[in-house]
C-alpha cells in the first residue's frame, strides 16, 4: 500500500518524542546530513509499504523514525567520540531514549538499527526496524531498489529536502573524523575505505561515484 497523496508521503511522526528527536538532530547535523536523515525515513516507510512490512507486528514507525534521523549523529560534534561513527550515532540515540522512558527492548532495536546500518546482510536479519533503516538509507543513494518510486514522489521528496551533494558531504565528514583520529577508520570499515579512497588516485570515492551516476545524482 503506497501513500495516497504527496502530503502522506512527506508526513513525519508528530508525537512529542519524535518532535524532540527531530529538533535535537537538526540542531547538530549539517543541512546535507539532516536532509539525508529525513529522506532516509521517508524512503524506509515507502519501502515498508512496497514490501508489505507496514503490517508486520514488529513494525514501529516511531522507532524507525528515530533510527533514521539519528543514524548519522556520529558525524556531529557531540557524536564525535573515539568509536566508529555508526556506534557513536547509536550511543547518541540511546542517550536520547534513556531520557524518554523507552523500554530496554525498544532502545536496543534502535541501537542495532543505527550501529548496523552500514552492515549489509546483518541489518536485514535483525527485524523490520534495522532492515528498513538500512533500506531507506541505501535508497537515498540511488540504485535498483528505488525502481518502484515514482518520479512524482521523488520530485516531492527532493523539493522538500534537497540533496545538497549528499555523498560528498558525508564523505567529507567521515574522512575528516578519520584524519583527526585514525582509530575511527579501521581497515575494511566504511570509514576506513572512504579514507583510503579519498587519499589515493583522483580522491573521489566509489560511494560518491555511484551516487553521482545513480538515479538521484549527488
Foldseek 3Di string as FASTA:
>chain_A
DADPDLCSLLDADDDPLLVVLLVVLVVWDDQLLQLLLSQLLSQLVRVCVVVVVVPPPPDDSSLLSSLSNLLQVCLTPVLVDLEASLQSSLVVSLVSVVVVPDDPVSSVLSSCLNSCLQPPPPLCPPDSSSNSSNSSSVVVLADDVCVVPDPVSVVSSCVVRPNPLNVVVSLVSLLVSCVVPVSNQPPPDPSVQSNVCLVDDPNQHPSQVSSCPHDPHD
